[in-house]
C-alpha atoms as a PDB file:
ATOM      1  CA  MET A   1      -0.002  -0.065   0.004  1.00  0.00           C
ATOM      2  CA  ASP A   2       1.498   3.371  -1.042  1.00  0.00           C
ATOM      3  CA  ASN A   3       1.548   6.462   1.249  1.00  0.00           C
ATOM      4  CA  LYS A   4      -1.429   8.099  -0.557  1.00  0.00           C
ATOM      5  CA  SER A   5      -3.706   5.164  -0.160  1.00  0.00           C
ATOM      6  CA  GLN A   6      -2.581   4.747   3.414  1.00  0.00           C
ATOM      7  CA  PHE A   7      -3.300   8.376   4.226  1.00  0.00           C
ATOM      8  CA  LEU A   8      -6.787   8.186   2.607  1.00  0.00           C
ATOM      9  CA  SER A   9      -7.625   5.008   4.539  1.00  0.00           C
ATOM     10  CA  VAL A  10      -6.531   6.792   7.766  1.00  0.00           C
ATOM     11  CA  VAL A  11      -8.845   9.706   7.006  1.00  0.00           C
ATOM     12  CA  CYS A  12     -11.687   7.473   6.335  1.00  0.00           C
ATOM     13  CA  ALA A  13     -11.044   5.464   9.546  1.00  0.00           C
ATOM     14  CA  TYR A  14     -10.809   8.788  11.543  1.00  0.00           C
ATOM     15  CA  ILE A  15     -14.145  10.130  10.051  1.00  0.00           C
ATOM     16  CA  LYS A  16     -15.724   6.916  10.809  1.00  0.00           C
ATOM     17  CA  GLN A  17     -14.554   6.839  14.415  1.00  0.00           C
ATOM     18  CA  TYR A  18     -15.487  10.539  15.070  1.00  0.00           C
ATOM     19  CA  ILE A  19     -18.627  10.679  12.914  1.00  0.00           C
ATOM     20  CA  LYS A  20     -20.867  10.943  16.084  1.00  0.00           C
ATOM     21  CA  VAL A  21     -18.971  13.997  17.280  1.00  0.00           C
ATOM     22  CA  LEU A  22     -19.393  15.685  13.927  1.00  0.00           C
ATOM     23  CA  LEU A  23     -23.088  14.890  13.900  1.00  0.00           C
ATOM     24  CA  LEU A  24     -23.335  16.213  17.486  1.00  0.00           C
ATOM     25  CA  PHE A  25     -21.603  19.599  16.458  1.00  0.00           C
ATOM     26  CA  ILE A  26     -24.229  19.902  13.625  1.00  0.00           C
ATOM     27  CA  VAL A  27     -27.001  19.413  16.087  1.00  0.00           C
ATOM     28  CA  PHE A  28     -25.575  21.942  18.383  1.00  0.00           C
ATOM     29  CA  ALA A  29     -25.534  24.372  15.468  1.00  0.00           C
ATOM     30  CA  LEU A  30     -29.099  23.659  14.687  1.00  0.00           C
ATOM     31  CA  VAL A  31     -30.067  24.352  18.422  1.00  0.00           C
ATOM     32  CA  PHE A  32     -28.207  27.656  18.188  1.00  0.00           C
ATOM     33  CA  CYS A  33     -30.238  28.585  15.061  1.00  0.00           C
ATOM     34  CA  ILE A  34     -33.485  27.724  16.495  1.00  0.00           C
ATOM     35  CA  VAL A  35     -32.894  29.386  19.865  1.00  0.00           C
ATOM     36  CA  PHE A  36     -31.658  32.544  18.276  1.00  0.00           C
ATOM     37  CA  SER A  37     -34.521  32.473  15.932  1.00  0.00           C
ATOM     38  CA  LEU A  38     -37.122  32.158  18.751  1.00  0.00           C
ATOM     39  CA  TYR A  39     -35.502  35.357  20.382  1.00  0.00           C
ATOM     40  CA  ASN A  40     -35.679  37.228  16.952  1.00  0.00           C
ATOM     41  CA  LEU A  41     -31.867  37.818  17.026  1.00  0.00           C
ATOM     42  CA  GLU A  42     -30.208  39.093  13.869  1.00  0.00           C
ATOM     43  CA  THR A  43     -29.117  36.438  11.386  1.00  0.00           C
ATOM     44  CA  GLU A  44     -25.751  37.841  11.235  1.00  0.00           C
ATOM     45  CA  ALA A  45     -25.177  37.016  14.934  1.00  0.00           C
ATOM     46  CA  ILE A  46     -26.239  33.333  14.215  1.00  0.00           C
ATOM     47  CA  TYR A  47     -23.899  32.980  11.382  1.00  0.00           C
ATOM     48  CA  TYR A  48     -21.029  34.631  13.213  1.00  0.00           C
ATOM     49  CA  SER A  49     -21.440  32.232  16.117  1.00  0.00           C
ATOM     50  CA  ILE A  50     -21.679  29.100  14.021  1.00  0.00           C
ATOM     51  CA  ILE A  51     -18.656  30.147  11.879  1.00  0.00           C
ATOM     52  CA  LEU A  52     -16.552  30.828  15.094  1.00  0.00           C
ATOM     53  CA  CYS A  53     -17.597  27.381  16.580  1.00  0.00           C
ATOM     54  CA  ALA A  54     -16.684  25.679  13.277  1.00  0.00           C
ATOM     55  CA  PHE A  55     -13.340  27.415  13.132  1.00  0.00           C
ATOM     56  CA  ILE A  56     -12.460  26.415  16.711  1.00  0.00           C
ATOM     57  CA  GLY A  57     -13.749  22.909  15.967  1.00  0.00           C
ATOM     58  CA  LEU A  58     -11.759  22.650  12.777  1.00  0.00           C
ATOM     59  CA  ILE A  59      -8.517  23.568  14.666  1.00  0.00           C
ATOM     60  CA  TYR A  60      -9.235  20.758  17.268  1.00  0.00           C
ATOM     61  CA  ILE A  61     -10.007  18.383  14.512  1.00  0.00           C
ATOM     62  CA  CYS A  62      -6.741  19.182  12.817  1.00  0.00           C
ATOM     63  CA  ILE A  63      -4.654  18.656  15.865  1.00  0.00           C
ATOM     64  CA  ASN A  64      -6.587  15.615  16.910  1.00  0.00           C
ATOM     65  CA  PHE A  65      -6.157  14.175  13.473  1.00  0.00           C
ATOM     66  CA  ILE A  66      -2.354  14.675  13.327  1.00  0.00           C
ATOM     67  CA  ASN A  67      -2.030  12.853  16.801  1.00  0.00           C
ATOM     68  CA  TYR A  68      -4.277  10.212  15.526  1.00  0.00           C
ATOM     69  CA  TYR A  69      -2.249   9.671  12.352  1.00  0.00           C
ATOM     70  CA  LYS A  70       1.156   9.738  14.233  1.00  0.00           C
ATOM     71  CA  LYS A  71      -0.071   7.103  16.615  1.00  0.00           C
ATOM     72  CA  HIS A  72      -1.450   4.963  13.677  1.00  0.00           C
ATOM     73  CA  ILE A  73       2.044   5.221  11.915  1.00  0.00           C
ATOM     74  CA  GLN A  74       3.821   4.218  15.327  1.00  0.00           C
ATOM     75  CA  LEU A  75       1.492   1.186  15.772  1.00  0.00           C
ATOM     76  CA  TYR A  76       1.832   0.187  12.031  1.00  0.00           C
ATOM     77  CA  LYS A  77       5.682   0.172  12.248  1.00  0.00           C
ATOM     78  CA  LEU A  78       5.475  -1.740  15.452  1.00  0.00           C
ATOM     79  CA  GLN A  79       3.710  -4.640  13.844  1.00  0.00           C
ATOM     80  CA  ASN A  80       7.085  -5.962  12.494  1.00  0.00           C
ATOM     81  CA  GLU A  81       8.888  -5.582  15.924  1.00  0.00           C
ATOM     82  CA  ILE A  82       6.308  -6.728  18.264  1.00  0.00           C
ATOM     83  CA  SER A  83       7.414 -10.297  18.322  1.00  0.00           C
ATOM     84  CA  ILE A  84      10.839  -9.076  19.480  1.00  0.00           C
ATOM     85  CA  SER A  85      10.018  -6.238  21.866  1.00  0.00           C
ATOM     86  CA  LEU A  86       7.189  -4.173  23.269  1.00  0.00           C
ATOM     87  CA  GLU A  87       9.364  -1.341  24.285  1.00  0.00           C
ATOM     88  CA  ASN A  88       8.105   0.995  21.491  1.00  0.00           C
ATOM     89  CA  LEU A  89       4.440   0.484  22.449  1.00  0.00           C
ATOM     90  CA  PRO A  90       2.774   3.954  22.639  1.00  0.00           C
ATOM     91  CA  SER A  91       1.975   5.160  26.055  1.00  0.00           C
ATOM     92  CA  PRO A  92      -1.890   5.118  26.609  1.00  0.00           C
ATOM     93  CA  LYS A  93      -3.652   8.362  27.122  1.00  0.00           C
ATOM     94  CA  THR A  94      -7.020   7.318  27.992  1.00  0.00           C
ATOM     95  CA  LEU A  95      -8.543   4.630  30.367  1.00  0.00           C
ATOM     96  CA  MET A  96      -9.589   2.526  27.399  1.00  0.00           C
ATOM     97  CA  GLU A  97      -6.077   2.647  25.821  1.00  0.00           C
ATOM     98  CA  GLU A  98      -4.576   1.654  29.140  1.00  0.00           C
ATOM     99  CA  ASP A  99      -6.798  -1.315  29.329  1.00  0.00           C
ATOM    100  CA  TYR A 100      -5.796  -2.420  25.783  1.00  0.00           C
ATOM    101  CA  THR A 101      -2.072  -1.940  26.594  1.00  0.00           C
ATOM    102  CA  ASN A 102      -2.396  -3.951  29.644  1.00  0.00           C
ATOM    103  CA  LEU A 103      -4.249  -6.698  27.694  1.00  0.00           C
ATOM    104  CA  ILE A 104      -1.371  -6.800  25.100  1.00  0.00           C
ATOM    105  CA  LEU A 105       1.326  -6.890  27.706  1.00  0.00           C
ATOM    106  CA  ASN A 106      -0.553  -9.875  29.597  1.00  0.00           C
ATOM    107  CA  LEU A 107      -1.013 -11.641  26.214  1.00  0.00           C
ATOM    108  CA  ASN A 108       2.762 -11.116  25.338  1.00  0.00           C
ATOM    109  CA  LYS A 109       3.655 -12.541  28.773  1.00  0.00           C
ATOM    110  CA  GLU A 110       1.554 -15.646  28.319  1.00  0.00           C
ATOM    111  CA  TYR A 111       2.856 -16.051  24.895  1.00  0.00           C
ATOM    112  CA  LYS A 112       6.495 -16.015  25.988  1.00  0.00           C
ATOM    113  CA  THR A 113       5.649 -18.495  28.763  1.00  0.00           C
ATOM    114  CA  TYR A 114       4.016 -20.776  26.207  1.00  0.00           C
ATOM    115  CA  ILE A 115       6.899 -20.544  23.764  1.00  0.00           C
ATOM    116  CA  SER A 116       9.420 -21.376  26.569  1.00  0.00           C
ATOM    117  CA  LYS A 117       7.553 -24.291  27.592  1.00  0.00           C
ATOM    118  CA  SER A 118       7.192 -25.449  23.985  1.00  0.00           C
ATOM    119  CA  ASP A 119      10.900 -25.030  23.316  1.00  0.00           C
ATOM    120  CA  ILE A 120      11.808 -27.103  26.445  1.00  0.00           C
ATOM    121  CA  ALA A 121       9.376 -29.806  25.376  1.00  0.00           C
ATOM    122  CA  LYS A 122      10.830 -29.873  21.872  1.00  0.00           C
ATOM    123  CA  SER A 123      14.416 -29.926  23.010  1.00  0.00           C
ATOM    124  CA  ASP A 124      13.566 -32.931  25.351  1.00  0.00           C
ATOM    125  CA  MET A 125      11.827 -34.735  22.540  1.00  0.00           C
ATOM    126  CA  ILE A 126      14.827 -34.219  20.127  1.00  0.00           C
ATOM    127  CA  ASP A 127      17.183 -35.427  22.867  1.00  0.00           C
ATOM    128  CA  TYR A 128      15.180 -38.394  23.479  1.00  0.00           C
ATOM    129  CA  TYR A 129      14.809 -39.437  19.706  1.00  0.00           C
ATOM    130  CA  THR A 130      18.528 -38.578  19.077  1.00  0.00           C
ATOM    131  CA  MET A 131      19.508 -40.932  21.890  1.00  0.00           C
ATOM    132  CA  TRP A 132      17.080 -43.582  20.739  1.00  0.00           C
ATOM    133  CA  VAL A 133      18.473 -43.477  17.169  1.00  0.00           C
ATOM    134  CA  HIS A 134      22.019 -43.999  18.277  1.00  0.00           C
ATOM    135  CA  GLN A 135      21.109 -46.738  20.723  1.00  0.00           C
ATOM    136  CA  ILE A 136      19.080 -48.674  18.206  1.00  0.00           C
ATOM    137  CA  LYS A 137      22.126 -48.698  15.805  1.00  0.00           C
ATOM    138  CA  THR A 138      23.945 -51.037  18.301  1.00  0.00           C
ATOM    139  CA  PRO A 139      21.468 -53.965  18.171  1.00  0.00           C
ATOM    140  CA  ILE A 140      21.074 -53.408  14.245  1.00  0.00           C
ATOM    141  CA  SER A 141      24.880 -53.731  13.928  1.00  0.00           C
ATOM    142  CA  ALA A 142      24.782 -56.928  16.063  1.00  0.00           C
ATOM    143  CA  MET A 143      21.940 -58.411  13.925  1.00  0.00           C
ATOM    144  CA  LYS A 144      23.789 -57.561  10.772  1.00  0.00           C
ATOM    145  CA  LEU A 145      27.013 -59.552  12.046  1.00  0.00           C
ATOM    146  CA  LEU A 146      24.801 -62.557  13.040  1.00  0.00           C
ATOM    147  CA  ILE A 147      23.032 -62.512   9.642  1.00  0.00           C
ATOM    148  CA  GLN A 148      26.461 -62.425   7.750  1.00  0.00           C
ATOM    149  CA  THR A 149      27.526 -65.694   9.410  1.00  0.00           C
ATOM    150  CA  SER A 150      24.668 -67.505   7.551  1.00  0.00           C
ATOM    151  CA  GLU A 151      24.232 -68.027   3.816  1.00  0.00           C
ATOM    152  CA  SER A 152      20.575 -69.061   3.806  1.00  0.00           C
ATOM    153  CA  GLU A 153      17.825 -67.480   1.838  1.00  0.00           C
ATOM    154  CA  ILE A 154      16.178 -66.519   4.980  1.00  0.00           C
ATOM    155  CA  SER A 155      19.222 -64.679   5.996  1.00  0.00           C
ATOM    156  CA  SER A 156      19.255 -62.763   2.814  1.00  0.00           C
ATOM    157  CA  ASP A 157      15.586 -61.785   3.414  1.00  0.00           C
ATOM    158  CA  LEU A 158      16.429 -60.745   6.915  1.00  0.00           C
ATOM    159  CA  SER A 159      19.433 -58.666   5.700  1.00  0.00           C
ATOM    160  CA  SER A 160      16.997 -56.896   3.230  1.00  0.00           C
ATOM    161  CA  GLU A 161      14.532 -56.139   5.879  1.00  0.00           C
ATOM    162  CA  LEU A 162      17.249 -54.949   8.283  1.00  0.00           C
ATOM    163  CA  PHE A 163      18.543 -52.510   5.567  1.00  0.00           C
ATOM    164  CA  LYS A 164      15.135 -51.004   5.420  1.00  0.00           C
ATOM    165  CA  ILE A 165      15.223 -50.496   9.246  1.00  0.00           C
ATOM    166  CA  GLU A 166      18.586 -48.793   8.979  1.00  0.00           C
ATOM    167  CA  GLN A 167      17.005 -46.406   6.265  1.00  0.00           C
ATOM    168  CA  TYR A 168      14.131 -45.581   8.566  1.00  0.00           C
ATOM    169  CA  VAL A 169      16.332 -44.922  11.420  1.00  0.00           C
ATOM    170  CA  GLU A 170      18.612 -42.762   9.283  1.00  0.00           C
ATOM    171  CA  MET A 171      15.515 -40.899   8.105  1.00  0.00           C
ATOM    172  CA  VAL A 172      14.358 -40.254  11.651  1.00  0.00           C
ATOM    173  CA  LEU A 173      17.785 -38.856  12.579  1.00  0.00           C
ATOM    174  CA  SER A 174      17.862 -36.638   9.409  1.00  0.00           C
ATOM    175  CA  TYR A 175      14.364 -35.357  10.250  1.00  0.00           C
ATOM    176  CA  ILE A 176      15.314 -34.363  13.661  1.00  0.00           C
ATOM    177  CA  ARG A 177      18.443 -32.648  12.633  1.00  0.00           C
ATOM    178  CA  LEU A 178      16.736 -30.802   9.691  1.00  0.00           C
ATOM    179  CA  GLY A 179      13.982 -29.499  12.148  1.00  0.00           C
ATOM    180  CA  SER A 180      16.351 -28.127  14.752  1.00  0.00           C
ATOM    181  CA  ASN A 181      17.383 -24.454  14.940  1.00  0.00           C
ATOM    182  CA  GLU A 182      21.021 -25.312  14.195  1.00  0.00           C
ATOM    183  CA  ASN A 183      22.303 -27.453  11.228  1.00  0.00           C
ATOM    184  CA  ASP A 184      25.576 -28.970  10.619  1.00  0.00           C
ATOM    185  CA  PHE A 185      25.860 -27.874   6.913  1.00  0.00           C
ATOM    186  CA  VAL A 186      29.535 -27.721   5.593  1.00  0.00           C
ATOM    187  CA  ILE A 187      29.485 -26.187   2.215  1.00  0.00           C
ATOM    188  CA  LYS A 188      32.559 -26.910   0.199  1.00  0.00           C
ATOM    189  CA  GLU A 189      33.443 -28.035  -3.513  1.00  0.00           C
ATOM    190  CA  TYR A 190      33.027 -31.702  -3.854  1.00  0.00           C
ATOM    191  CA  ASP A 191      33.249 -34.247  -6.730  1.00  0.00           C
ATOM    192  CA  LEU A 192      29.741 -35.018  -7.543  1.00  0.00           C
ATOM    193  CA  ASP A 193      30.593 -38.503  -8.961  1.00  0.00           C
ATOM    194  CA  ASN A 194      32.155 -39.517  -5.693  1.00  0.00           C
ATOM    195  CA  ILE A 195      28.982 -38.469  -3.833  1.00  0.00           C
ATOM    196  CA  VAL A 196      26.856 -40.516  -6.357  1.00  0.00           C
ATOM    197  CA  ARG A 197      29.136 -43.535  -5.973  1.00  0.00           C
ATOM    198  CA  GLN A 198      28.711 -43.511  -2.171  1.00  0.00           C
ATOM    199  CA  ALA A 199      24.974 -43.766  -2.598  1.00  0.00           C
ATOM    200  CA  ILE A 200      25.295 -46.522  -5.269  1.00  0.00           C
ATOM    201  CA  ARG A 201      27.630 -48.707  -3.050  1.00  0.00           C
ATOM    202  CA  LYS A 202      25.068 -48.523  -0.207  1.00  0.00           C
ATOM    203  CA  TYR A 203      22.346 -49.649  -2.459  1.00  0.00           C
ATOM    204  CA  ALA A 204      24.232 -52.206  -4.513  1.00  0.00           C
ATOM    205  CA  PRO A 205      22.736 -55.224  -2.699  1.00  0.00           C
ATOM    206  CA  LEU A 206      19.295 -54.029  -3.537  1.00  0.00           C
ATOM    207  CA  PHE A 207      20.035 -53.580  -7.181  1.00  0.00           C
ATOM    208  CA  ILE A 208      21.400 -57.246  -7.244  1.00  0.00           C
ATOM    209  CA  ARG A 209      18.549 -58.579  -5.260  1.00  0.00           C
ATOM    210  CA  LYS A 210      15.903 -57.047  -7.464  1.00  0.00           C
ATOM    211  CA  LYS A 211      17.903 -57.778 -10.660  1.00  0.00           C
ATOM    212  CA  ILE A 212      17.736 -54.122 -11.734  1.00  0.00           C
ATOM    213  CA  ASN A 213      20.365 -52.754 -14.108  1.00  0.00           C
ATOM    214  CA  LEU A 214      22.192 -49.642 -13.288  1.00  0.00           C
ATOM    215  CA  ASP A 215      23.438 -47.189 -15.947  1.00  0.00           C
ATOM    216  CA  PHE A 216      25.653 -44.636 -14.205  1.00  0.00           C
ATOM    217  CA  GLN A 217      27.270 -41.957 -16.531  1.00  0.00           C
ATOM    218  CA  PRO A 218      29.929 -39.982 -14.806  1.00  0.00           C
ATOM    219  CA  THR A 219      29.143 -36.231 -14.550  1.00  0.00           C
ATOM    220  CA  THR A 220      32.805 -34.832 -14.070  1.00  0.00           C
ATOM    221  CA  TYR A 221      31.062 -32.027 -12.078  1.00  0.00           C
ATOM    222  CA  LYS A 222      32.517 -30.058  -9.126  1.00  0.00           C
ATOM    223  CA  VAL A 223      29.608 -28.751  -7.062  1.00  0.00           C
ATOM    224  CA  LEU A 224      29.392 -26.597  -3.927  1.00  0.00           C
ATOM    225  CA  THR A 225      27.349 -28.541  -1.475  1.00  0.00           C
ATOM    226  CA  ASP A 226      27.232 -30.408   1.729  1.00  0.00           C
ATOM    227  CA  GLU A 227      28.567 -33.999   1.079  1.00  0.00           C
ATOM    228  CA  LYS A 228      26.843 -35.802   3.898  1.00  0.00           C
ATOM    229  CA  TRP A 229      23.275 -34.160   3.199  1.00  0.00           C
ATOM    230  CA  LEU A 230      23.581 -34.692  -0.582  1.00  0.00           C
ATOM    231  CA  VAL A 231      24.459 -38.285  -0.079  1.00  0.00           C
ATOM    232  CA  PHE A 232      21.408 -38.632   1.951  1.00  0.00           C
ATOM    233  CA  VAL A 233      19.313 -37.003  -0.785  1.00  0.00           C
ATOM    234  CA  ILE A 234      20.603 -39.252  -3.479  1.00  0.00           C
ATOM    235  CA  GLU A 235      20.129 -42.305  -1.318  1.00  0.00           C
ATOM    236  CA  GLN A 236      16.487 -41.419  -0.692  1.00  0.00           C
ATOM    237  CA  LEU A 237      15.921 -40.895  -4.468  1.00  0.00           C
ATOM    238  CA  LEU A 238      17.569 -44.267  -5.237  1.00  0.00           C
ATOM    239  CA  SER A 239      15.533 -46.002  -2.535  1.00  0.00           C
ATOM    240  CA  ASN A 240      12.340 -44.631  -4.149  1.00  0.00           C
ATOM    241  CA  ALA A 241      13.535 -45.690  -7.688  1.00  0.00           C
ATOM    242  CA  ILE A 242      14.334 -49.221  -6.467  1.00  0.00           C
ATOM    243  CA  LYS A 243      11.241 -49.657  -4.490  1.00  0.00           C
ATOM    244  CA  TYR A 244       8.892 -48.720  -7.315  1.00  0.00           C
ATOM    245  CA  THR A 245      10.817 -50.348 -10.171  1.00  0.00           C
ATOM    246  CA  ASN A 246      10.287 -54.145 -10.676  1.00  0.00           C
ATOM    247  CA  LYS A 247      12.114 -54.586 -13.959  1.00  0.00           C
ATOM    248  CA  GLY A 248      14.265 -52.549 -16.290  1.00  0.00           C
ATOM    249  CA  LYS A 249      16.958 -50.270 -15.127  1.00  0.00           C
ATOM    250  CA  ILE A 250      17.870 -47.105 -13.158  1.00  0.00           C
ATOM    251  CA  SER A 251      19.885 -44.415 -15.079  1.00  0.00           C
ATOM    252  CA  ILE A 252      22.002 -41.706 -13.354  1.00  0.00           C
ATOM    253  CA  TYR A 253      23.399 -39.217 -15.820  1.00  0.00           C
ATOM    254  CA  PRO A 254      24.277 -35.448 -16.067  1.00  0.00           C
ATOM    255  CA  LEU A 255      22.592 -32.625 -17.885  1.00  0.00           C
ATOM    256  CA  GLU A 256      24.165 -29.268 -18.619  1.00  0.00           C
ATOM    257  CA  ASP A 257      24.506 -26.551 -16.009  1.00  0.00           C
ATOM    258  CA  LYS A 258      25.307 -29.108 -13.230  1.00  0.00           C
ATOM    259  CA  LYS A 259      22.084 -30.840 -13.264  1.00  0.00           C
ATOM    260  CA  LEU A 260      21.878 -34.579 -12.106  1.00  0.00           C
ATOM    261  CA  VAL A 261      19.167 -36.924 -13.316  1.00  0.00           C
ATOM    262  CA  ILE A 262      17.986 -40.196 -11.557  1.00  0.00           C
ATOM    263  CA  GLU A 263      15.711 -41.972 -14.050  1.00  0.00           C
ATOM    264  CA  ASP A 264      13.870 -45.229 -13.566  1.00  0.00           C
ATOM    265  CA  THR A 265      11.511 -47.523 -15.445  1.00  0.00           C
ATOM    266  CA  GLY A 266       9.175 -48.060 -12.664  1.00  0.00           C
ATOM    267  CA  ILE A 267       5.363 -47.587 -12.122  1.00  0.00           C
ATOM    268  CA  GLY A 268       5.669 -43.922 -12.369  1.00  0.00           C
ATOM    269  CA  ILE A 269       3.565 -41.139 -10.689  1.00  0.00           C
ATOM    270  CA  SER A 270       0.281 -39.878 -11.726  1.00  0.00           C
ATOM    271  CA  GLN A 271       0.060 -36.382 -12.973  1.00  0.00           C
ATOM    272  CA  GLU A 272      -2.405 -35.118 -10.363  1.00  0.00           C
ATOM    273  CA  ASP A 273       0.038 -36.317  -7.568  1.00  0.00           C
ATOM    274  CA  ILE A 274       3.164 -34.660  -8.868  1.00  0.00           C
ATOM    275  CA  PRO A 275       2.231 -31.002  -7.583  1.00  0.00           C
ATOM    276  CA  ARG A 276       1.945 -32.471  -4.014  1.00  0.00           C
ATOM    277  CA  ILE A 277       4.615 -35.007  -4.154  1.00  0.00           C
ATOM    278  CA  PHE A 278       7.080 -32.964  -1.898  1.00  0.00           C
ATOM    279  CA  ASP A 279       4.328 -32.259   0.805  1.00  0.00           C
ATOM    280  CA  LYS A 280       4.947 -33.650   4.272  1.00  0.00           C
ATOM    281  CA  GLY A 281       3.108 -36.871   4.745  1.00  0.00           C
ATOM    282  CA  PHE A 282       1.843 -37.041   1.075  1.00  0.00           C
ATOM    283  CA  THR A 283       2.048 -40.596  -0.397  1.00  0.00           C
ATOM    284  CA  GLY A 284      -0.134 -40.335  -3.373  1.00  0.00           C
ATOM    285  CA  TYR A 285      -1.372 -43.380  -5.240  1.00  0.00           C
ATOM    286  CA  ASN A 286       1.836 -45.179  -4.965  1.00  0.00           C
ATOM    287  CA  GLY A 287       1.881 -44.648  -1.389  1.00  0.00           C
ATOM    288  CA  ARG A 288      -1.734 -45.995  -0.833  1.00  0.00           C
ATOM    289  CA  THR A 289      -0.749 -49.017  -2.808  1.00  0.00           C
ATOM    290  CA  ASP A 290       2.494 -49.542  -0.789  1.00  0.00           C
ATOM    291  CA  LYS A 291       1.169 -49.263   2.746  1.00  0.00           C
ATOM    292  CA  LYS A 292       4.677 -48.864   4.083  1.00  0.00           C
ATOM    293  CA  ALA A 293       5.286 -45.550   2.448  1.00  0.00           C
ATOM    294  CA  THR A 294       5.748 -42.638   5.018  1.00  0.00           C
ATOM    295  CA  GLY A 295       5.565 -39.526   2.779  1.00  0.00           C
ATOM    296  CA  LEU A 296       8.662 -38.197   4.379  1.00  0.00           C
ATOM    297  CA  GLY A 297      11.341 -39.130   1.941  1.00  0.00           C
ATOM    298  CA  LEU A 298      10.641 -36.650  -0.774  1.00  0.00           C
ATOM    299  CA  TYR A 299       9.586 -33.908   1.704  1.00  0.00           C
ATOM    300  CA  LEU A 300      13.126 -34.302   3.397  1.00  0.00           C
ATOM    301  CA  CYS A 301      14.837 -34.247   0.017  1.00  0.00           C
ATOM    302  CA  LYS A 302      13.007 -31.039  -0.802  1.00  0.00           C
ATOM    303  CA  ASN A 303      13.796 -29.276   2.407  1.00  0.00           C
ATOM    304  CA  ILE A 304      17.432 -30.287   2.380  1.00  0.00           C
ATOM    305  CA  LEU A 305      17.974 -29.162  -1.110  1.00  0.00           C
ATOM    306  CA  ASP A 306      16.209 -25.889  -0.381  1.00  0.00           C
ATOM    307  CA  LYS A 307      18.642 -25.248   2.515  1.00  0.00           C
ATOM    308  CA  LEU A 308      21.520 -26.028   0.152  1.00  0.00           C
ATOM    309  CA  SER A 309      20.303 -23.572  -2.542  1.00  0.00           C
ATOM    310  CA  HIS A 310      19.709 -26.636  -4.899  1.00  0.00           C
ATOM    311  CA  LYS A 311      16.547 -27.342  -6.670  1.00  0.00           C
ATOM    312  CA  ILE A 312      14.638 -30.588  -7.518  1.00  0.00           C
ATOM    313  CA  SER A 313      11.879 -31.413  -9.987  1.00  0.00           C
ATOM    314  CA  ILE A 314      10.146 -34.527 -11.061  1.00  0.00           C
ATOM    315  CA  GLU A 315       8.758 -35.601 -14.345  1.00  0.00           C
ATOM    316  CA  SER A 316       6.827 -38.919 -14.589  1.00  0.00           C
ATOM    317  CA  GLU A 317       4.610 -40.973 -16.892  1.00  0.00           C
ATOM    318  CA  VAL A 318       2.438 -43.745 -15.231  1.00  0.00           C
ATOM    319  CA  GLY A 319       3.761 -47.237 -16.097  1.00  0.00           C
ATOM    320  CA  VAL A 320       6.712 -45.892 -18.140  1.00  0.00           C
ATOM    321  CA  LYS A 321       9.289 -43.864 -16.196  1.00  0.00           C
ATOM    322  CA  THR A 322       9.915 -41.247 -13.470  1.00  0.00           C
ATOM    323  CA  LYS A 323      12.738 -38.746 -13.952  1.00  0.00           C
ATOM    324  CA  VAL A 324      14.095 -36.753 -10.955  1.00  0.00           C
ATOM    325  CA  ILE A 325      16.260 -33.805 -11.767  1.00  0.00           C
ATOM    326  CA  ILE A 326      18.533 -32.185  -9.277  1.00  0.00           C
ATOM    327  CA  ASP A 327      19.889 -28.684 -10.039  1.00  0.00           C
ATOM    328  CA  LEU A 328      23.173 -28.299  -8.216  1.00  0.00           C
ATOM    329  CA  ALA A 329      23.967 -24.737  -9.453  1.00  0.00           C
ATOM    330  CA  MET A 330      24.063 -22.674  -6.222  1.00  0.00           C
ATOM    331  CA  VAL A 331      23.364 -18.987  -5.568  1.00  0.00           C
ATOM    332  CA  ASN A 332      23.401 -17.005  -2.227  1.00  0.00           C
ATOM    333  CA  VAL A 333      25.606 -19.465  -0.406  1.00  0.00           C
ATOM    334  CA  ASN A 334      28.435 -18.898   2.170  1.00  0.00           C
ATOM    335  CA  ILE A 335      31.381 -21.063   1.380  1.00  0.00           C
ATOM    336  CA  GLU A 336      33.314 -22.206   4.517  1.00  0.00           C
END
């Protein structure tokens, strides 16, 4: 809103607020006219008294409006600061203003108390789940060692399910870290191919188990990013590609301008689901078919890439393919 529109809106609000006073002044003027007429006073005296009263009233209105406008501007500017401090709150000049000021101060006090309790509760919850994630890794590692001592088909199935448990544990830990006020991003220049190979090595057993071919074309790109978090993103995308691809292949290849593509020949995503695919908890048609989908994987990927100033987009055709494009060209980033 420009200054002219704001000023006109204040004038309208002022008139609306004091319209009763203006009407009362008109009534008083009419009373003067009637009384003077009954006493057969000269018309000139009536006009003179009305003009004099109107002049005094106009001076009062101008002074009152200036104070009204200044207070409005002060309160308007305070809107952007009120969440930080109430020190600039105007001093009340009437009993009603004092009541409203006390109400605001009490509400602010209650709000700060609520935020403080909420922060403590959130901190306790994060500490608990972080501790749980680290503790659960111990029995997972023990089970992996026990499974590796056996070569049976059951052991292979157990190893696959245990791998999924590890995925979910890592997702929980990443979700907690991403939601905290502090992050552990370390932005440096990394070899993108090395990052991609880390994710491929982790999921190599699933490629073999599902007999899915992998076509990896080296990118030769050097990118500014956080290695740990980008590895996590690529792992999540590979996990989805493997999960929803029953035959065919998964391709990883570069596009110009530091874009990385992960493409699969899986079941695809319906067009109506694509606009919401990065929403928290949204699973879409595929998620409703696969009852184990959490709707958090792509949500975490999008949030992580946003924080890294990267971009992600998805193109898909049901029953044919899904193509995920990660744009790794960075802007507005602080390099360590």
